[in-house]
Amino acid sequence: MAHGESIARTWDEEILSAIRVDLPHPPAHARNLFHLSVALYDGWAAYDPTAVGYAYREKHTAADVAAARRET
């Protein structure tokens, strides 16, 4: 991960790299990008007291929320 980049940016770059080498299939790529976005958001929202996850709505606590979000 480059200095200052978020883990979300790292995963976005990974999925975009995979799309670049795959045969064009826009509906499948759009679906995969959506699923990644939902997973990243839900992992973040699980540790936010007011955010509501898209698919996962349980709440978690941690002594180090930033570390817990990175692990998620």
C-alpha atoms as a PDB file:
ATOM      1  CA  MET A   1       0.000   0.000   0.000  1.00  0.00           C
ATOM      2  CA  ALA A   2       1.415   3.357  -1.022  1.00  0.00           C
ATOM      3  CA  HIS A   3       1.882   6.010   1.641  1.00  0.00           C
ATOM      4  CA  GLY A   4      -1.414   7.787   2.323  1.00  0.00           C
ATOM      5  CA  GLU A   5      -3.602   5.377   0.385  1.00  0.00           C
ATOM      6  CA  SER A   6      -6.500   3.736   2.143  1.00  0.00           C
ATOM      7  CA  ILE A   7      -7.059   0.003   2.123  1.00  0.00           C
ATOM      8  CA  ALA A   8     -10.186   0.685   0.040  1.00  0.00           C
ATOM      9  CA  ARG A   9      -8.023   2.331  -2.630  1.00  0.00           C
ATOM     10  CA  THR A  10      -5.692  -0.673  -2.613  1.00  0.00           C
ATOM     11  CA  TRP A  11      -8.579  -3.103  -3.148  1.00  0.00           C
ATOM     12  CA  ASP A  12     -10.106  -0.844  -5.829  1.00  0.00           C
ATOM     13  CA  GLU A  13      -6.815  -0.878  -7.725  1.00  0.00           C
ATOM     14  CA  GLU A  14      -6.636  -4.675  -7.441  1.00  0.00           C
ATOM     15  CA  ILE A  15     -10.114  -5.214  -8.866  1.00  0.00           C
ATOM     16  CA  LEU A  16      -9.529  -2.673 -11.637  1.00  0.00           C
ATOM     17  CA  SER A  17      -6.293  -4.453 -12.568  1.00  0.00           C
ATOM     18  CA  ALA A  18      -8.206  -7.734 -12.799  1.00  0.00           C
ATOM     19  CA  ILE A  19     -10.858  -6.098 -15.005  1.00  0.00           C
ATOM     20  CA  ARG A  20      -8.169  -4.770 -17.361  1.00  0.00           C
ATOM     21  CA  VAL A  21      -6.866  -8.267 -18.122  1.00  0.00           C
ATOM     22  CA  ASP A  22     -10.294  -9.912 -18.382  1.00  0.00           C
ATOM     23  CA  LEU A  23     -12.516 -10.108 -21.444  1.00  0.00           C
ATOM     24  CA  PRO A  24     -14.974  -7.203 -21.528  1.00  0.00           C
ATOM     25  CA  HIS A  25     -18.183  -8.106 -19.728  1.00  0.00           C
ATOM     26  CA  PRO A  26     -19.549  -4.869 -18.264  1.00  0.00           C
ATOM     27  CA  PRO A  27     -22.493  -6.364 -16.298  1.00  0.00           C
ATOM     28  CA  ALA A  28     -20.230  -8.817 -14.463  1.00  0.00           C
ATOM     29  CA  HIS A  29     -17.581  -6.178 -13.797  1.00  0.00           C
ATOM     30  CA  ALA A  30     -20.191  -3.728 -12.499  1.00  0.00           C
ATOM     31  CA  ARG A  31     -21.594  -6.402 -10.194  1.00  0.00           C
ATOM     32  CA  ASN A  32     -18.128  -7.248  -8.881  1.00  0.00           C
ATOM     33  CA  LEU A  33     -17.355  -3.574  -8.242  1.00  0.00           C
ATOM     34  CA  PHE A  34     -20.663  -3.222  -6.400  1.00  0.00           C
ATOM     35  CA  HIS A  35     -19.967  -6.271  -4.230  1.00  0.00           C
ATOM     36  CA  LEU A  36     -16.518  -4.956  -3.327  1.00  0.00           C
ATOM     37  CA  SER A  37     -17.964  -1.536  -2.466  1.00  0.00           C
ATOM     38  CA  VAL A  38     -20.632  -3.093  -0.240  1.00  0.00           C
ATOM     39  CA  ALA A  39     -18.074  -5.252   1.557  1.00  0.00           C
ATOM     40  CA  LEU A  40     -15.771  -2.286   2.162  1.00  0.00           C
ATOM     41  CA  TYR A  41     -18.616  -0.067   3.373  1.00  0.00           C
ATOM     42  CA  ASP A  42     -20.103  -2.718   5.643  1.00  0.00           C
ATOM     43  CA  GLY A  43     -16.682  -3.381   7.173  1.00  0.00           C
ATOM     44  CA  TRP A  44     -16.366   0.324   7.937  1.00  0.00           C
ATOM     45  CA  ALA A  45     -19.973   0.755   9.115  1.00  0.00           C
ATOM     46  CA  ALA A  46     -19.746  -2.132  11.582  1.00  0.00           C
ATOM     47  CA  TYR A  47     -17.532   0.084  13.773  1.00  0.00           C
ATOM     48  CA  ASP A  48     -19.474   3.338  13.327  1.00  0.00           C
ATOM     49  CA  PRO A  49     -22.254   3.944  15.880  1.00  0.00           C
ATOM     50  CA  THR A  50     -24.661   5.632  13.451  1.00  0.00           C
ATOM     51  CA  ALA A  51     -23.877   4.097  10.038  1.00  0.00           C
ATOM     52  CA  VAL A  52     -26.204   1.382   8.772  1.00  0.00           C
ATOM     53  CA  GLY A  53     -24.575  -1.363   6.727  1.00  0.00           C
ATOM     54  CA  TYR A  54     -25.986  -2.433   3.392  1.00  0.00           C
ATOM     55  CA  ALA A  55     -25.913  -6.209   3.907  1.00  0.00           C
ATOM     56  CA  TYR A  56     -24.309  -6.571   7.356  1.00  0.00           C
ATOM     57  CA  ARG A  57     -25.960  -4.505  10.073  1.00  0.00           C
ATOM     58  CA  GLU A  58     -24.414  -5.780  13.278  1.00  0.00           C
ATOM     59  CA  LYS A  59     -22.235  -3.465  15.348  1.00  0.00           C
ATOM     60  CA  HIS A  60     -18.791  -4.149  16.777  1.00  0.00           C
ATOM     61  CA  THR A  61     -16.489  -2.365  19.180  1.00  0.00           C
ATOM     62  CA  ALA A  62     -12.732  -2.408  19.433  1.00  0.00           C
ATOM     63  CA  ALA A  63     -10.057  -0.704  21.461  1.00  0.00           C
ATOM     64  CA  ASP A  64      -8.361   0.305  18.200  1.00  0.00           C
ATOM     65  CA  VAL A  65     -11.129   0.922  15.659  1.00  0.00           C
ATOM     66  CA  ALA A  66      -8.711   1.803  12.845  1.00  0.00           C
ATOM     67  CA  ALA A  67      -6.848  -1.492  13.279  1.00  0.00           C
ATOM     68  CA  ALA A  68     -10.124  -3.423  13.477  1.00  0.00           C
ATOM     69  CA  ARG A  69     -11.331  -1.810  10.244  1.00  0.00           C
ATOM     70  CA  ARG A  70      -8.051  -2.661   8.487  1.00  0.00           C
ATOM     71  CA  GLU A  71      -8.385  -6.279   9.597  1.00  0.00           C
ATOM     72  CA  THR A  72     -12.012  -6.405   8.511  1.00  0.00           C
END
